[in-house]
Amino acid sequence: MTDSTSDQPRARRHRRVQRAGAQGADPTPHLRPEAAEDDTDHSPSFGTNDEQLRRDVPPHY
């Protein structure tokens, strides 16, 4: 009177709930964003006053 299913241990089941995503959400994985470029001393709005401001610094700099 042995049952073949009772001899084997039961398979473990996931305990975490698996839910559907939020409505309207994109289920596809996102690609990594492009890396930013290295910083430079020249910003897009580089003007004539910027060079003077760099020279006129307090003595403790």
PDB file of N, CA and C in Angstrom:
ATOM      1  N   MET A   1       0.812  -1.175   0.000  1.00  0.00           N
ATOM      2  CA  MET A   1       0.000   0.000   0.000  1.00  0.00           C
ATOM      3  C   MET A   1       0.872   1.262   0.000  1.00  0.00           C
ATOM      4  N   THR A   2       1.959   1.193  -0.698  1.00  0.00           N
ATOM      5  CA  THR A   2       2.820   2.366  -0.789  1.00  0.00           C
ATOM      6  C   THR A   2       2.470   3.166  -2.033  1.00  0.00           C
ATOM      7  N   ASP A   3       2.525   4.445  -1.868  1.00  0.00           N
ATOM      8  CA  ASP A   3       2.225   5.347  -2.974  1.00  0.00           C
ATOM      9  C   ASP A   3       3.552   5.862  -3.524  1.00  0.00           C
ATOM     10  N   SER A   4       3.754   5.829  -4.828  1.00  0.00           N
ATOM     11  CA  SER A   4       5.035   6.230  -5.405  1.00  0.00           C
ATOM     12  C   SER A   4       5.302   7.729  -5.220  1.00  0.00           C
ATOM     13  N   THR A   5       4.268   8.543  -5.111  1.00  0.00           N
ATOM     14  CA  THR A   5       4.470   9.980  -4.924  1.00  0.00           C
ATOM     15  C   THR A   5       4.844  10.307  -3.492  1.00  0.00           C
ATOM     16  N   SER A   6       4.482   9.496  -2.540  1.00  0.00           N
ATOM     17  CA  SER A   6       4.806   9.786  -1.142  1.00  0.00           C
ATOM     18  C   SER A   6       6.266   9.459  -0.825  1.00  0.00           C
ATOM     19  N   ASP A   7       6.932   8.621  -1.644  1.00  0.00           N
ATOM     20  CA  ASP A   7       8.327   8.287  -1.412  1.00  0.00           C
ATOM     21  C   ASP A   7       9.251   9.455  -1.757  1.00  0.00           C
ATOM     22  N   GLN A   8       8.861  10.281  -2.696  1.00  0.00           N
ATOM     23  CA  GLN A   8       9.697  11.391  -3.123  1.00  0.00           C
ATOM     24  C   GLN A   8       9.301  12.655  -2.363  1.00  0.00           C
ATOM     25  N   PRO A   9      10.272  13.451  -1.976  1.00  0.00           N
ATOM     26  CA  PRO A   9       9.921  14.708  -1.302  1.00  0.00           C
ATOM     27  C   PRO A   9       9.243  15.664  -2.285  1.00  0.00           C
ATOM     28  N   ARG A  10       8.396  16.480  -1.732  1.00  0.00           N
ATOM     29  CA  ARG A  10       7.676  17.436  -2.578  1.00  0.00           C
ATOM     30  C   ARG A  10       8.638  18.499  -3.096  1.00  0.00           C
ATOM     31  N   ALA A  11       8.394  18.942  -4.286  1.00  0.00           N
ATOM     32  CA  ALA A  11       9.235  19.988  -4.871  1.00  0.00           C
ATOM     33  C   ALA A  11       8.983  21.293  -4.131  1.00  0.00           C
ATOM     34  N   ARG A  12      10.054  22.050  -3.920  1.00  0.00           N
ATOM     35  CA  ARG A  12       9.907  23.331  -3.228  1.00  0.00           C
ATOM     36  C   ARG A  12       9.247  24.321  -4.161  1.00  0.00           C
ATOM     37  N   ARG A  13       8.390  25.117  -3.605  1.00  0.00           N
ATOM     38  CA  ARG A  13       7.692  26.120  -4.390  1.00  0.00           C
ATOM     39  C   ARG A  13       8.169  27.494  -3.967  1.00  0.00           C
ATOM     40  N   HIS A  14       8.017  28.441  -4.877  1.00  0.00           N
ATOM     41  CA  HIS A  14       8.381  29.817  -4.571  1.00  0.00           C
ATOM     42  C   HIS A  14       7.401  30.378  -3.550  1.00  0.00           C
ATOM     43  N   ARG A  15       7.937  31.041  -2.553  1.00  0.00           N
ATOM     44  CA  ARG A  15       7.075  31.632  -1.541  1.00  0.00           C
ATOM     45  C   ARG A  15       6.737  33.072  -1.859  1.00  0.00           C
ATOM     46  N   ARG A  16       7.476  33.683  -2.772  1.00  0.00           N
ATOM     47  CA  ARG A  16       7.235  35.063  -3.135  1.00  0.00           C
ATOM     48  C   ARG A  16       6.081  35.148  -4.123  1.00  0.00           C
ATOM     49  N   VAL A  17       5.286  36.150  -3.946  1.00  0.00           N
ATOM     50  CA  VAL A  17       4.160  36.343  -4.853  1.00  0.00           C
ATOM     51  C   VAL A  17       4.675  36.890  -6.172  1.00  0.00           C
ATOM     52  N   GLN A  18       4.196  36.346  -7.260  1.00  0.00           N
ATOM     53  CA  GLN A  18       4.554  36.859  -8.574  1.00  0.00           C
ATOM     54  C   GLN A  18       3.330  37.564  -9.131  1.00  0.00           C
ATOM     55  N   ARG A  19       3.478  38.877  -9.276  1.00  0.00           N
ATOM     56  CA  ARG A  19       2.350  39.671  -9.743  1.00  0.00           C
ATOM     57  C   ARG A  19       2.658  40.261 -11.107  1.00  0.00           C
ATOM     58  N   ALA A  20       1.617  40.618 -11.779  1.00  0.00           N
ATOM     59  CA  ALA A  20       1.784  41.305 -13.061  1.00  0.00           C
ATOM     60  C   ALA A  20       2.266  42.722 -12.789  1.00  0.00           C
ATOM     61  N   GLY A  21       2.939  43.330 -13.752  1.00  0.00           N
ATOM     62  CA  GLY A  21       3.448  44.686 -13.591  1.00  0.00           C
ATOM     63  C   GLY A  21       2.316  45.698 -13.567  1.00  0.00           C
ATOM     64  N   ALA A  22       2.682  46.928 -13.283  1.00  0.00           N
ATOM     65  CA  ALA A  22       1.698  48.002 -13.255  1.00  0.00           C
ATOM     66  C   ALA A  22       1.135  48.213 -14.652  1.00  0.00           C
ATOM     67  N   GLN A  23      -0.093  48.586 -14.705  1.00  0.00           N
ATOM     68  CA  GLN A  23      -0.746  48.793 -15.987  1.00  0.00           C
ATOM     69  C   GLN A  23      -0.080  49.961 -16.714  1.00  0.00           C
ATOM     70  N   GLY A  24       0.283  49.739 -17.957  1.00  0.00           N
ATOM     71  CA  GLY A  24       0.933  50.770 -18.746  1.00  0.00           C
ATOM     72  C   GLY A  24       2.443  50.751 -18.643  1.00  0.00           C
ATOM     73  N   ALA A  25       3.010  49.880 -17.798  1.00  0.00           N
ATOM     74  CA  ALA A  25       4.463  49.807 -17.646  1.00  0.00           C
ATOM     75  C   ALA A  25       5.056  48.987 -18.789  1.00  0.00           C
ATOM     76  N   ASP A  26       6.271  49.300 -19.167  1.00  0.00           N
ATOM     77  CA  ASP A  26       6.964  48.605 -20.240  1.00  0.00           C
ATOM     78  C   ASP A  26       7.706  47.406 -19.649  1.00  0.00           C
ATOM     79  N   PRO A  27       7.340  46.174 -19.998  1.00  0.00           N
ATOM     80  CA  PRO A  27       7.979  45.005 -19.390  1.00  0.00           C
ATOM     81  C   PRO A  27       9.354  44.681 -19.968  1.00  0.00           C
ATOM     82  N   THR A  28       9.751  45.326 -21.069  1.00  0.00           N
ATOM     83  CA  THR A  28      11.048  45.019 -21.663  1.00  0.00           C
ATOM     84  C   THR A  28      12.163  45.640 -20.829  1.00  0.00           C
ATOM     85  N   PRO A  29      13.313  44.980 -20.734  1.00  0.00           N
ATOM     86  CA  PRO A  29      14.413  45.548 -19.938  1.00  0.00           C
ATOM     87  C   PRO A  29      14.971  46.802 -20.605  1.00  0.00           C
ATOM     88  N   HIS A  30      15.435  47.718 -19.787  1.00  0.00           N
ATOM     89  CA  HIS A  30      15.986  48.969 -20.291  1.00  0.00           C
ATOM     90  C   HIS A  30      17.466  48.787 -20.590  1.00  0.00           C
ATOM     91  N   LEU A  31      17.914  49.434 -21.659  1.00  0.00           N
ATOM     92  CA  LEU A  31      19.330  49.402 -21.995  1.00  0.00           C
ATOM     93  C   LEU A  31      20.083  50.348 -21.081  1.00  0.00           C
ATOM     94  N   ARG A  32      21.367  50.100 -20.919  1.00  0.00           N
ATOM     95  CA  ARG A  32      22.181  50.987 -20.083  1.00  0.00           C
ATOM     96  C   ARG A  32      22.264  52.350 -20.753  1.00  0.00           C
ATOM     97  N   PRO A  33      22.132  53.412 -19.988  1.00  0.00           N
ATOM     98  CA  PRO A  33      22.247  54.747 -20.588  1.00  0.00           C
ATOM     99  C   PRO A  33      23.683  55.004 -21.039  1.00  0.00           C
ATOM    100  N   GLU A  34      23.813  55.882 -22.015  1.00  0.00           N
ATOM    101  CA  GLU A  34      25.148  56.203 -22.512  1.00  0.00           C
ATOM    102  C   GLU A  34      25.936  56.921 -21.423  1.00  0.00           C
ATOM    103  N   ALA A  35      27.208  56.613 -21.361  1.00  0.00           N
ATOM    104  CA  ALA A  35      28.066  57.249 -20.362  1.00  0.00           C
ATOM    105  C   ALA A  35      28.276  58.711 -20.735  1.00  0.00           C
ATOM    106  N   ALA A  36      28.340  59.558 -19.743  1.00  0.00           N
ATOM    107  CA  ALA A  36      28.562  60.980 -19.982  1.00  0.00           C
ATOM    108  C   ALA A  36      30.003  61.204 -20.417  1.00  0.00           C
ATOM    109  N   GLU A  37      30.197  62.265 -21.167  1.00  0.00           N
ATOM    110  CA  GLU A  37      31.548  62.593 -21.610  1.00  0.00           C
ATOM    111  C   GLU A  37      32.338  63.175 -20.446  1.00  0.00           C
ATOM    112  N   ASP A  38      33.653  63.123 -20.564  1.00  0.00           N
ATOM    113  CA  ASP A  38      34.518  63.682 -19.529  1.00  0.00           C
ATOM    114  C   ASP A  38      34.320  65.186 -19.428  1.00  0.00           C
ATOM    115  N   ASP A  39      34.495  65.703 -18.229  1.00  0.00           N
ATOM    116  CA  ASP A  39      34.373  67.144 -18.024  1.00  0.00           C
ATOM    117  C   ASP A  39      35.534  67.875 -18.686  1.00  0.00           C
ATOM    118  N   THR A  40      35.227  69.052 -19.180  1.00  0.00           N
ATOM    119  CA  THR A  40      36.265  69.893 -19.771  1.00  0.00           C
ATOM    120  C   THR A  40      36.229  71.257 -19.101  1.00  0.00           C
ATOM    121  N   ASP A  41      37.293  72.022 -19.293  1.00  0.00           N
ATOM    122  CA  ASP A  41      37.338  73.371 -18.733  1.00  0.00           C
ATOM    123  C   ASP A  41      36.461  74.338 -19.516  1.00  0.00           C
ATOM    124  N   HIS A  42      36.161  74.000 -20.729  1.00  0.00           N
ATOM    125  CA  HIS A  42      35.381  74.900 -21.570  1.00  0.00           C
ATOM    126  C   HIS A  42      33.936  74.433 -21.604  1.00  0.00           C
ATOM    127  N   SER A  43      33.074  75.212 -21.024  1.00  0.00           N
ATOM    128  CA  SER A  43      31.657  74.905 -21.057  1.00  0.00           C
ATOM    129  C   SER A  43      31.065  75.498 -22.331  1.00  0.00           C
ATOM    130  N   PRO A  44      29.869  75.131 -22.692  1.00  0.00           N
ATOM    131  CA  PRO A  44      29.267  75.695 -23.900  1.00  0.00           C
ATOM    132  C   PRO A  44      29.117  77.212 -23.834  1.00  0.00           C
ATOM    133  N   SER A  45      28.993  77.754 -22.652  1.00  0.00           N
ATOM    134  CA  SER A  45      28.814  79.202 -22.529  1.00  0.00           C
ATOM    135  C   SER A  45      30.114  79.880 -22.097  1.00  0.00           C
ATOM    136  N   PHE A  46      31.245  79.395 -22.578  1.00  0.00           N
ATOM    137  CA  PHE A  46      32.543  79.951 -22.215  1.00  0.00           C
ATOM    138  C   PHE A  46      32.636  81.374 -22.748  1.00  0.00           C
ATOM    139  N   GLY A  47      32.877  82.335 -21.845  1.00  0.00           N
ATOM    140  CA  GLY A  47      32.931  83.732 -22.249  1.00  0.00           C
ATOM    141  C   GLY A  47      34.245  84.377 -21.864  1.00  0.00           C
ATOM    142  N   THR A  48      34.372  85.664 -22.157  1.00  0.00           N
ATOM    143  CA  THR A  48      35.616  86.387 -21.877  1.00  0.00           C
ATOM    144  C   THR A  48      35.778  86.644 -20.386  1.00  0.00           C
ATOM    145  N   ASN A  49      34.708  86.759 -19.655  1.00  0.00           N
ATOM    146  CA  ASN A  49      34.772  87.052 -18.225  1.00  0.00           C
ATOM    147  C   ASN A  49      35.226  85.836 -17.410  1.00  0.00           C
ATOM    148  N   ASP A  50      35.045  84.644 -17.938  1.00  0.00           N
ATOM    149  CA  ASP A  50      35.404  83.433 -17.199  1.00  0.00           C
ATOM    150  C   ASP A  50      36.895  83.370 -16.896  1.00  0.00           C
ATOM    151  N   GLU A  51      37.722  83.742 -17.854  1.00  0.00           N
ATOM    152  CA  GLU A  51      39.171  83.695 -17.638  1.00  0.00           C
ATOM    153  C   GLU A  51      39.600  84.685 -16.559  1.00  0.00           C
ATOM    154  N   GLN A  52      38.990  85.853 -16.517  1.00  0.00           N
ATOM    155  CA  GLN A  52      39.317  86.847 -15.484  1.00  0.00           C
ATOM    156  C   GLN A  52      38.881  86.350 -14.113  1.00  0.00           C
ATOM    157  N   LEU A  53      37.742  85.700 -14.030  1.00  0.00           N
ATOM    158  CA  LEU A  53      37.268  85.167 -12.752  1.00  0.00           C
ATOM    159  C   LEU A  53      38.204  84.074 -12.230  1.00  0.00           C
ATOM    160  N   ARG A  54      38.782  83.287 -13.107  1.00  0.00           N
ATOM    161  CA  ARG A  54      39.734  82.261 -12.675  1.00  0.00           C
ATOM    162  C   ARG A  54      41.028  82.886 -12.147  1.00  0.00           C
ATOM    163  N   ARG A  55      41.449  83.999 -12.726  1.00  0.00           N
ATOM    164  CA  ARG A  55      42.682  84.658 -12.279  1.00  0.00           C
ATOM    165  C   ARG A  55      42.477  85.404 -10.965  1.00  0.00           C
ATOM    166  N   ASP A  56      41.317  86.016 -10.768  1.00  0.00           N
ATOM    167  CA  ASP A  56      41.060  86.853  -9.593  1.00  0.00           C
ATOM    168  C   ASP A  56      40.490  86.010  -8.455  1.00  0.00           C
ATOM    169  N   VAL A  57      41.330  85.184  -7.856  1.00  0.00           N
ATOM    170  CA  VAL A  57      40.888  84.341  -6.745  1.00  0.00           C
ATOM    171  C   VAL A  57      41.531  84.850  -5.462  1.00  0.00           C
ATOM    172  N   PRO A  58      40.914  84.606  -4.336  1.00  0.00           N
ATOM    173  CA  PRO A  58      41.510  85.014  -3.064  1.00  0.00           C
ATOM    174  C   PRO A  58      42.847  84.298  -2.843  1.00  0.00           C
ATOM    175  N   PRO A  59      43.729  84.854  -2.024  1.00  0.00           N
ATOM    176  CA  PRO A  59      45.067  84.280  -1.830  1.00  0.00           C
ATOM    177  C   PRO A  59      45.069  82.873  -1.223  1.00  0.00           C
ATOM    178  N   HIS A  60      44.044  82.490  -0.497  1.00  0.00           N
ATOM    179  CA  HIS A  60      44.069  81.166   0.138  1.00  0.00           C
ATOM    180  C   HIS A  60      43.726  80.051  -0.843  1.00  0.00           C
ATOM    181  N   TYR A  61      43.407  80.363  -2.071  1.00  0.00           N
ATOM    182  CA  TYR A  61      43.155  79.327  -3.078  1.00  0.00           C
ATOM    183  C   TYR A  61      44.439  78.943  -3.650  1.00  0.00           C
TER     184      TYR A  61
END
